[in-house]
Structures are given as structure tokens and as C-alpha cells.
Amino acid sequence: MTYTPHFNQAGEAHIVDITGKPQTERVAVTEGYIEMQPETLKSIVEMKHKKGDVLSIARIAGIMASKKTADLIPLCHPIALTHVEIDLTPELENNRVRCQTTIKTIGQTGVEMEALTATQITLLTIYDMCKGLDRGMAIQSVRLLEKKGGKSGHWFNN
């Protein structure tokens, strides 16, 4: 059997041993979009949605999700996050909301999964809060934009 980081020599799953890795500043930036009907976006932007401030609630959900990533994704290390920022930008011309998440830590492993999880849950929360108005919303293009730190250094998604 071929050895891969998440499997031992016997082929059994385990969390990768990062004991010997140095602690460095780690940063991950992700983005994603939720596309919707113009009326749905208007209700969010004008704060006229019957469930309240959709974007603020979604932002809190994303922050909470980032801290729970290791509980959701098997073999993810629990990480002490030092910064979580979720920017939500309504794009009226495209009938969508853009979510950009930046997460930082000082540690032995990266925060890409935490940032991707935060982005997804933020967008899912928008969907959940607005599904009564627009069941056809579409979450799209969730991706890693940038990562810094660790052995692989600084990476950008072009």
C-alpha cells in the first residue's frame, strides 16, 4: 500500500503528525458567492427582510463555523484561530452577495479548511434565511484565493 499523509503504513486513517513542524503565521483567504433574485437581494440590502439583518447573522454563523471545522471535517487538526474576518459585499449588478473570508493563526498547520468552511456556512446561512423568498439561490465558486505560511510559503490563486 502506498503511504499518504492521512493513512499510516497499514492503510488506517489518522491525523497527520505535525509535532516537528515549526510554528509560523498562517493565513488563508477564500471567496464564494450566492446568486439570487433581484428582489431577494434588495430585501437584504435595504434591511427589510422579515428575519432581520441577514448579513450580520450570516457573518456570525461563518465565524462560529470556522471554530468548529475540526468537528466537521475528519482528520482536520483543531486550531486556535487568532483572527477571523468575513466581508460580505452585495453585488447588485450581478444579483449576488460575495463572501470573502480571511483567517489567521500562528501554528503548525494551515487554516485553509477553516476559511473554506466559514465561507460555505456564511453562504448557507444566507440561503437558509432567504429560502422563503427565493428557493432558487445558488452558491457558487467557493475557492481558496491565497494562503501564507508553512513549508509551501505564499500561494495565490490566479
N, C-alpha and C. Protein backbone atom coordinates (compact mmCIF):
# COMPACT_ATOMS: atom_id res chain seq x y z
N MET A 1 0.85 -1.18 0.00
CA MET A 1 0.00 0.00 0.00
C MET A 1 0.89 1.24 0.00
N THR A 2 0.51 2.23 -0.78
CA THR A 2 1.25 3.49 -0.84
C THR A 2 0.89 4.34 0.37
N TYR A 3 1.92 4.92 1.01
CA TYR A 3 1.72 5.78 2.17
C TYR A 3 1.30 7.16 1.72
N THR A 4 0.23 7.68 2.30
CA THR A 4 -0.18 9.07 2.10
C THR A 4 -0.34 9.68 3.48
N PRO A 5 -0.25 11.00 3.60
CA PRO A 5 -0.23 11.64 4.92
C PRO A 5 -1.38 11.29 5.85
N HIS A 6 -2.59 11.04 5.32
CA HIS A 6 -3.72 10.75 6.19
C HIS A 6 -3.94 9.26 6.45
N PHE A 7 -3.03 8.42 5.95
CA PHE A 7 -3.11 6.99 6.18
C PHE A 7 -1.76 6.48 6.64
N ASN A 8 -1.76 5.57 7.60
CA ASN A 8 -0.49 5.01 8.06
C ASN A 8 -0.08 3.86 7.14
N GLN A 9 1.01 3.18 7.49
CA GLN A 9 1.53 2.10 6.64
C GLN A 9 0.53 0.96 6.48
N ALA A 10 -0.36 0.79 7.46
CA ALA A 10 -1.37 -0.26 7.39
C ALA A 10 -2.62 0.19 6.64
N GLY A 11 -2.63 1.42 6.16
CA GLY A 11 -3.77 1.93 5.42
C GLY A 11 -4.89 2.47 6.30
N GLU A 12 -4.59 2.67 7.57
CA GLU A 12 -5.59 3.18 8.52
C GLU A 12 -5.53 4.71 8.58
N ALA A 13 -6.69 5.32 8.66
CA ALA A 13 -6.76 6.78 8.72
C ALA A 13 -6.24 7.29 10.06
N HIS A 14 -5.54 8.41 10.01
CA HIS A 14 -5.08 9.09 11.23
C HIS A 14 -4.87 10.57 10.92
N ILE A 15 -4.77 11.36 11.97
CA ILE A 15 -4.44 12.78 11.79
C ILE A 15 -2.94 12.88 11.59
N VAL A 16 -2.53 13.66 10.61
CA VAL A 16 -1.12 13.82 10.29
C VAL A 16 -0.36 14.35 11.51
N ASP A 17 0.81 13.78 11.77
CA ASP A 17 1.65 14.22 12.89
C ASP A 17 2.38 15.50 12.49
N ILE A 18 2.05 16.60 13.16
CA ILE A 18 2.69 17.88 12.87
C ILE A 18 3.62 18.31 14.00
N THR A 19 3.92 17.38 14.88
CA THR A 19 4.72 17.69 16.07
C THR A 19 6.02 18.40 15.72
N GLY A 20 6.71 17.96 14.71
CA GLY A 20 8.01 18.51 14.37
C GLY A 20 7.98 19.75 13.49
N LYS A 21 6.81 20.17 13.08
CA LYS A 21 6.72 21.34 12.20
C LYS A 21 6.86 22.62 13.03
N PRO A 22 7.55 23.61 12.49
CA PRO A 22 7.68 24.88 13.22
C PRO A 22 6.38 25.67 13.20
N GLN A 23 6.17 26.46 14.23
CA GLN A 23 5.02 27.36 14.25
C GLN A 23 5.35 28.59 13.41
N THR A 24 4.46 28.90 12.49
CA THR A 24 4.60 30.10 11.67
C THR A 24 3.24 30.78 11.58
N GLU A 25 3.26 32.05 11.16
CA GLU A 25 1.98 32.71 10.91
C GLU A 25 1.35 32.06 9.70
N ARG A 26 0.09 31.72 9.83
CA ARG A 26 -0.67 31.09 8.74
C ARG A 26 -1.86 31.98 8.41
N VAL A 27 -2.10 32.17 7.12
CA VAL A 27 -3.22 32.99 6.65
C VAL A 27 -3.87 32.27 5.48
N ALA A 28 -5.19 32.29 5.45
CA ALA A 28 -5.93 31.78 4.29
C ALA A 28 -7.03 32.78 3.96
N VAL A 29 -7.21 33.01 2.65
CA VAL A 29 -8.26 33.90 2.16
C VAL A 29 -9.08 33.10 1.16
N THR A 30 -10.40 33.09 1.37
CA THR A 30 -11.30 32.37 0.47
C THR A 30 -12.41 33.30 0.00
N GLU A 31 -13.11 32.86 -1.03
CA GLU A 31 -14.26 33.62 -1.50
C GLU A 31 -15.33 32.66 -1.99
N GLY A 32 -16.54 33.18 -2.09
CA GLY A 32 -17.66 32.45 -2.65
C GLY A 32 -18.79 33.42 -2.88
N TYR A 33 -19.80 32.99 -3.60
CA TYR A 33 -20.92 33.85 -3.97
C TYR A 33 -22.23 33.11 -3.76
N ILE A 34 -23.28 33.88 -3.47
CA ILE A 34 -24.63 33.34 -3.52
C ILE A 34 -25.43 34.25 -4.44
N GLU A 35 -25.92 33.63 -5.52
CA GLU A 35 -26.70 34.35 -6.52
C GLU A 35 -28.18 34.21 -6.18
N MET A 36 -28.94 35.28 -6.42
CA MET A 36 -30.35 35.28 -6.04
C MET A 36 -31.16 36.20 -6.93
N GLN A 37 -32.47 36.20 -6.74
CA GLN A 37 -33.36 37.10 -7.46
C GLN A 37 -33.09 38.54 -7.00
N PRO A 38 -33.25 39.51 -7.89
CA PRO A 38 -33.01 40.91 -7.52
C PRO A 38 -33.83 41.35 -6.30
N GLU A 39 -35.08 40.87 -6.19
CA GLU A 39 -35.94 41.26 -5.07
C GLU A 39 -35.39 40.74 -3.74
N THR A 40 -34.81 39.56 -3.78
CA THR A 40 -34.24 38.97 -2.57
C THR A 40 -33.04 39.79 -2.11
N LEU A 41 -32.18 40.12 -3.05
CA LEU A 41 -31.00 40.92 -2.71
C LEU A 41 -31.42 42.31 -2.20
N LYS A 42 -32.43 42.87 -2.82
CA LYS A 42 -32.92 44.18 -2.39
C LYS A 42 -33.41 44.12 -0.94
N SER A 43 -34.12 43.07 -0.57
CA SER A 43 -34.61 42.95 0.81
C SER A 43 -33.46 42.84 1.80
N ILE A 44 -32.37 42.20 1.39
CA ILE A 44 -31.19 42.08 2.25
C ILE A 44 -30.51 43.45 2.40
N VAL A 45 -30.25 44.10 1.29
CA VAL A 45 -29.53 45.37 1.28
C VAL A 45 -30.30 46.46 2.01
N GLU A 46 -31.60 46.49 1.81
CA GLU A 46 -32.42 47.53 2.44
C GLU A 46 -32.83 47.17 3.87
N MET A 47 -32.33 46.02 4.36
CA MET A 47 -32.62 45.54 5.72
C MET A 47 -34.12 45.44 5.96
N LYS A 48 -34.85 44.96 4.95
CA LYS A 48 -36.30 44.82 5.05
C LYS A 48 -36.72 43.36 5.11
N HIS A 49 -35.75 42.47 5.29
CA HIS A 49 -36.07 41.05 5.38
C HIS A 49 -36.74 40.79 6.72
N LYS A 50 -37.80 39.99 6.71
CA LYS A 50 -38.56 39.77 7.94
C LYS A 50 -37.76 39.06 9.03
N LYS A 51 -36.67 38.38 8.66
CA LYS A 51 -35.85 37.69 9.65
C LYS A 51 -34.74 38.57 10.22
N GLY A 52 -34.66 39.81 9.77
CA GLY A 52 -33.67 40.72 10.34
C GLY A 52 -32.47 40.94 9.45
N ASP A 53 -31.36 41.28 10.08
CA ASP A 53 -30.10 41.62 9.40
C ASP A 53 -29.42 40.34 8.91
N VAL A 54 -29.75 39.95 7.71
CA VAL A 54 -29.28 38.68 7.14
C VAL A 54 -27.76 38.60 7.13
N LEU A 55 -27.09 39.65 6.69
CA LEU A 55 -25.64 39.59 6.52
C LEU A 55 -24.92 39.50 7.88
N SER A 56 -25.41 40.21 8.88
CA SER A 56 -24.78 40.13 10.20
C SER A 56 -24.92 38.73 10.80
N ILE A 57 -26.09 38.16 10.66
CA ILE A 57 -26.31 36.81 11.20
C ILE A 57 -25.47 35.80 10.44
N ALA A 58 -25.39 35.94 9.13
CA ALA A 58 -24.57 35.03 8.32
C ALA A 58 -23.09 35.14 8.70
N ARG A 59 -22.63 36.36 8.95
CA ARG A 59 -21.24 36.59 9.34
C ARG A 59 -20.93 35.86 10.65
N ILE A 60 -21.82 35.98 11.63
CA ILE A 60 -21.63 35.30 12.92
C ILE A 60 -21.61 33.79 12.72
N ALA A 61 -22.50 33.28 11.89
CA ALA A 61 -22.53 31.84 11.61
C ALA A 61 -21.21 31.37 11.01
N GLY A 62 -20.66 32.15 10.09
CA GLY A 62 -19.39 31.79 9.48
C GLY A 62 -18.25 31.79 10.48
N ILE A 63 -18.23 32.78 11.36
CA ILE A 63 -17.19 32.82 12.40
C ILE A 63 -17.31 31.60 13.30
N MET A 64 -18.53 31.29 13.72
CA MET A 64 -18.74 30.12 14.57
C MET A 64 -18.30 28.84 13.86
N ALA A 65 -18.62 28.72 12.58
CA ALA A 65 -18.26 27.53 11.81
C ALA A 65 -16.75 27.37 11.69
N SER A 66 -16.04 28.49 11.51
CA SER A 66 -14.58 28.41 11.38
C SER A 66 -13.96 27.77 12.62
N LYS A 67 -14.54 28.03 13.78
CA LYS A 67 -14.02 27.49 15.03
C LYS A 67 -14.40 26.02 15.23
N LYS A 68 -15.31 25.51 14.45
CA LYS A 68 -15.80 24.13 14.57
C LYS A 68 -15.33 23.23 13.43
N THR A 69 -14.45 23.71 12.60
CA THR A 69 -14.05 22.95 11.41
C THR A 69 -13.55 21.55 11.75
N ALA A 70 -12.73 21.42 12.77
CA ALA A 70 -12.20 20.10 13.14
C ALA A 70 -13.30 19.15 13.59
N ASP A 71 -14.43 19.67 14.03
CA ASP A 71 -15.57 18.82 14.41
C ASP A 71 -16.35 18.36 13.19
N LEU A 72 -16.20 19.05 12.08
CA LEU A 72 -16.98 18.77 10.88
C LEU A 72 -16.23 17.96 9.84
N ILE A 73 -14.93 18.17 9.73
CA ILE A 73 -14.14 17.54 8.67
C ILE A 73 -13.18 16.54 9.30
N PRO A 74 -13.35 15.27 9.00
CA PRO A 74 -12.48 14.25 9.59
C PRO A 74 -11.01 14.55 9.28
N LEU A 75 -10.18 14.32 10.25
CA LEU A 75 -8.72 14.41 10.15
C LEU A 75 -8.19 15.84 10.10
N CYS A 76 -9.04 16.84 10.31
CA CYS A 76 -8.58 18.22 10.45
C CYS A 76 -8.08 18.41 11.88
N HIS A 77 -6.98 19.13 12.01
CA HIS A 77 -6.47 19.46 13.34
C HIS A 77 -7.32 20.56 13.97
N PRO A 78 -7.59 20.47 15.26
CA PRO A 78 -8.20 21.62 15.94
C PRO A 78 -7.16 22.74 15.99
N ILE A 79 -7.57 23.95 15.64
CA ILE A 79 -6.63 25.07 15.53
C ILE A 79 -7.14 26.23 16.36
N ALA A 80 -6.23 26.86 17.08
CA ALA A 80 -6.56 28.10 17.80
C ALA A 80 -6.45 29.26 16.81
N LEU A 81 -7.57 29.81 16.42
CA LEU A 81 -7.58 30.90 15.44
C LEU A 81 -7.28 32.22 16.14
N THR A 82 -6.48 33.05 15.48
CA THR A 82 -6.15 34.36 16.06
C THR A 82 -6.93 35.49 15.42
N HIS A 83 -7.53 35.25 14.25
CA HIS A 83 -8.30 36.29 13.57
C HIS A 83 -9.23 35.65 12.56
N VAL A 84 -10.49 36.09 12.56
CA VAL A 84 -11.46 35.67 11.54
C VAL A 84 -12.18 36.93 11.08
N GLU A 85 -12.12 37.17 9.78
CA GLU A 85 -12.81 38.33 9.19
C GLU A 85 -13.63 37.85 8.00
N ILE A 86 -14.91 38.19 8.01
CA ILE A 86 -15.79 37.81 6.91
C ILE A 86 -16.39 39.08 6.34
N ASP A 87 -16.05 39.36 5.09
CA ASP A 87 -16.57 40.54 4.40
C ASP A 87 -17.67 40.09 3.44
N LEU A 88 -18.83 40.69 3.58
CA LEU A 88 -19.96 40.39 2.70
C LEU A 88 -20.28 41.62 1.88
N THR A 89 -20.23 41.45 0.56
CA THR A 89 -20.43 42.57 -0.36
C THR A 89 -21.58 42.26 -1.31
N PRO A 90 -22.70 42.97 -1.16
CA PRO A 90 -23.77 42.80 -2.15
C PRO A 90 -23.31 43.34 -3.51
N GLU A 91 -23.53 42.57 -4.54
CA GLU A 91 -23.21 42.98 -5.90
C GLU A 91 -24.53 43.09 -6.67
N LEU A 92 -25.10 44.27 -6.63
CA LEU A 92 -26.42 44.49 -7.23
C LEU A 92 -26.43 44.19 -8.73
N GLU A 93 -25.33 44.54 -9.41
CA GLU A 93 -25.26 44.34 -10.86
C GLU A 93 -25.25 42.86 -11.25
N ASN A 94 -24.85 41.98 -10.30
CA ASN A 94 -24.79 40.54 -10.57
C ASN A 94 -25.83 39.74 -9.78
N ASN A 95 -26.68 40.43 -9.01
CA ASN A 95 -27.70 39.76 -8.19
C ASN A 95 -27.09 38.70 -7.28
N ARG A 96 -26.06 39.10 -6.56
CA ARG A 96 -25.40 38.15 -5.68
C ARG A 96 -24.71 38.87 -4.52
N VAL A 97 -24.34 38.06 -3.55
CA VAL A 97 -23.53 38.54 -2.43
C VAL A 97 -22.20 37.80 -2.50
N ARG A 98 -21.12 38.55 -2.41
CA ARG A 98 -19.78 37.98 -2.38
C ARG A 98 -19.35 37.86 -0.92
N CYS A 99 -18.81 36.70 -0.58
CA CYS A 99 -18.26 36.47 0.75
C CYS A 99 -16.76 36.27 0.60
N GLN A 100 -15.99 37.07 1.32
CA GLN A 100 -14.54 36.87 1.38
C GLN A 100 -14.16 36.68 2.84
N THR A 101 -13.49 35.57 3.11
CA THR A 101 -13.09 35.22 4.46
C THR A 101 -11.57 35.23 4.58
N THR A 102 -11.07 35.86 5.64
CA THR A 102 -9.65 35.84 5.95
C THR A 102 -9.49 35.27 7.36
N ILE A 103 -8.66 34.25 7.47
CA ILE A 103 -8.42 33.62 8.77
C ILE A 103 -6.92 33.55 9.00
N LYS A 104 -6.53 33.82 10.26
CA LYS A 104 -5.12 33.79 10.65
C LYS A 104 -4.94 32.95 11.90
N THR A 105 -3.73 32.42 12.03
CA THR A 105 -3.30 31.74 13.24
C THR A 105 -1.77 31.74 13.26
N ILE A 106 -1.22 31.37 14.38
CA ILE A 106 0.20 31.05 14.47
C ILE A 106 0.22 29.60 14.90
N GLY A 107 0.72 28.75 14.02
CA GLY A 107 0.65 27.33 14.33
C GLY A 107 1.47 26.49 13.39
N GLN A 108 1.21 25.19 13.46
CA GLN A 108 1.97 24.20 12.71
C GLN A 108 1.25 23.69 11.48
N THR A 109 0.03 24.14 11.28
CA THR A 109 -0.73 23.71 10.11
C THR A 109 -1.60 24.87 9.62
N GLY A 110 -1.98 24.82 8.37
CA GLY A 110 -2.68 25.93 7.74
C GLY A 110 -4.14 26.04 8.13
N VAL A 111 -4.76 27.13 7.69
CA VAL A 111 -6.15 27.43 8.03
C VAL A 111 -7.06 27.48 6.79
N GLU A 112 -6.64 26.80 5.73
CA GLU A 112 -7.45 26.81 4.51
C GLU A 112 -8.83 26.18 4.74
N MET A 113 -8.87 25.06 5.45
CA MET A 113 -10.15 24.39 5.67
C MET A 113 -11.08 25.23 6.53
N GLU A 114 -10.52 25.94 7.49
CA GLU A 114 -11.33 26.82 8.34
C GLU A 114 -11.93 27.97 7.53
N ALA A 115 -11.14 28.53 6.63
CA ALA A 115 -11.64 29.63 5.80
C ALA A 115 -12.69 29.14 4.81
N LEU A 116 -12.46 28.00 4.20
CA LEU A 116 -13.45 27.45 3.26
C LEU A 116 -14.74 27.08 3.98
N THR A 117 -14.62 26.52 5.17
CA THR A 117 -15.81 26.17 5.96
C THR A 117 -16.59 27.42 6.33
N ALA A 118 -15.88 28.46 6.78
CA ALA A 118 -16.55 29.71 7.15
C ALA A 118 -17.29 30.31 5.96
N THR A 119 -16.66 30.31 4.80
CA THR A 119 -17.31 30.86 3.60
C THR A 119 -18.57 30.08 3.26
N GLN A 120 -18.46 28.76 3.26
CA GLN A 120 -19.62 27.92 2.92
C GLN A 120 -20.77 28.13 3.90
N ILE A 121 -20.49 28.14 5.18
CA ILE A 121 -21.55 28.27 6.17
C ILE A 121 -22.15 29.67 6.15
N THR A 122 -21.33 30.67 5.90
CA THR A 122 -21.87 32.03 5.75
C THR A 122 -22.89 32.06 4.62
N LEU A 123 -22.52 31.50 3.48
CA LEU A 123 -23.42 31.50 2.32
C LEU A 123 -24.64 30.62 2.56
N LEU A 124 -24.46 29.49 3.22
CA LEU A 124 -25.60 28.63 3.55
C LEU A 124 -26.58 29.32 4.50
N THR A 125 -26.04 30.13 5.40
CA THR A 125 -26.92 30.86 6.31
C THR A 125 -27.75 31.89 5.57
N ILE A 126 -27.14 32.56 4.60
CA ILE A 126 -27.91 33.49 3.76
C ILE A 126 -29.03 32.71 3.05
N TYR A 127 -28.67 31.55 2.52
CA TYR A 127 -29.68 30.72 1.85
C TYR A 127 -30.81 30.36 2.83
N ASP A 128 -30.44 29.90 4.00
CA ASP A 128 -31.43 29.48 4.98
C ASP A 128 -32.37 30.63 5.35
N MET A 129 -31.81 31.80 5.56
CA MET A 129 -32.63 32.93 5.97
C MET A 129 -33.53 33.46 4.86
N CYS A 130 -33.13 33.23 3.60
CA CYS A 130 -33.88 33.81 2.47
C CYS A 130 -34.63 32.78 1.64
N LYS A 131 -34.57 31.53 2.00
CA LYS A 131 -35.19 30.49 1.17
C LYS A 131 -36.71 30.66 1.03
N GLY A 132 -37.33 31.31 1.99
CA GLY A 132 -38.77 31.56 1.88
C GLY A 132 -39.11 32.52 0.74
N LEU A 133 -38.15 33.37 0.39
CA LEU A 133 -38.34 34.32 -0.72
C LEU A 133 -37.84 33.76 -2.05
N ASP A 134 -36.81 32.89 -1.98
CA ASP A 134 -36.09 32.54 -3.21
C ASP A 134 -35.41 31.18 -3.05
N ARG A 135 -36.11 30.12 -3.40
CA ARG A 135 -35.53 28.78 -3.27
C ARG A 135 -34.50 28.48 -4.36
N GLY A 136 -34.43 29.31 -5.39
CA GLY A 136 -33.51 29.08 -6.50
C GLY A 136 -32.14 29.70 -6.33
N MET A 137 -31.83 30.21 -5.13
CA MET A 137 -30.49 30.79 -4.92
C MET A 137 -29.43 29.74 -5.20
N ALA A 138 -28.26 30.18 -5.66
CA ALA A 138 -27.18 29.26 -5.99
C ALA A 138 -25.88 29.72 -5.36
N ILE A 139 -25.29 28.82 -4.60
CA ILE A 139 -23.96 29.06 -4.02
C ILE A 139 -22.95 28.65 -5.08
N GLN A 140 -21.98 29.55 -5.35
CA GLN A 140 -21.07 29.30 -6.47
C GLN A 140 -19.64 29.70 -6.14
N SER A 141 -18.74 29.07 -6.85
CA SER A 141 -17.33 29.48 -6.94
C SER A 141 -16.64 29.65 -5.59
N VAL A 142 -16.91 28.76 -4.67
CA VAL A 142 -16.19 28.81 -3.39
C VAL A 142 -14.79 28.27 -3.65
N ARG A 143 -13.78 29.10 -3.28
CA ARG A 143 -12.40 28.69 -3.60
C ARG A 143 -11.41 29.40 -2.69
N LEU A 144 -10.23 28.82 -2.63
CA LEU A 144 -9.11 29.43 -1.93
C LEU A 144 -8.49 30.48 -2.84
N LEU A 145 -8.32 31.70 -2.33
CA LEU A 145 -7.68 32.76 -3.09
C LEU A 145 -6.20 32.90 -2.77
N GLU A 146 -5.86 32.67 -1.50
CA GLU A 146 -4.48 32.92 -1.07
C GLU A 146 -4.20 32.13 0.21
N LYS A 147 -2.97 31.69 0.35
CA LYS A 147 -2.52 31.11 1.61
C LYS A 147 -1.09 31.55 1.86
N LYS A 148 -0.77 31.76 3.13
CA LYS A 148 0.58 32.14 3.53
C LYS A 148 1.00 31.27 4.70
N GLY A 149 2.30 31.02 4.76
CA GLY A 149 2.87 30.32 5.90
C GLY A 149 3.20 28.88 5.60
N GLY A 150 4.02 28.33 6.47
CA GLY A 150 4.39 26.93 6.34
C GLY A 150 5.44 26.68 5.28
N LYS A 151 5.69 25.40 5.06
CA LYS A 151 6.74 24.97 4.14
C LYS A 151 6.48 25.42 2.70
N SER A 152 5.20 25.44 2.30
CA SER A 152 4.92 25.80 0.91
C SER A 152 4.89 27.29 0.66
N GLY A 153 5.00 28.09 1.71
CA GLY A 153 5.14 29.54 1.55
C GLY A 153 3.87 30.24 1.16
N HIS A 154 4.00 31.23 0.27
CA HIS A 154 2.91 32.11 -0.12
C HIS A 154 2.37 31.64 -1.47
N TRP A 155 1.06 31.43 -1.54
CA TRP A 155 0.41 30.95 -2.75
C TRP A 155 -0.79 31.82 -3.09
N PHE A 156 -0.95 32.16 -4.37
CA PHE A 156 -2.10 32.93 -4.87
C PHE A 156 -2.83 32.10 -5.90
N ASN A 157 -4.15 32.20 -5.92
CA ASN A 157 -4.96 31.57 -6.98
C ASN A 157 -5.17 32.62 -8.06
N ASN A 158 -4.58 32.41 -9.19
CA ASN A 158 -4.69 33.39 -10.30
C ASN A 158 -5.96 33.21 -11.09
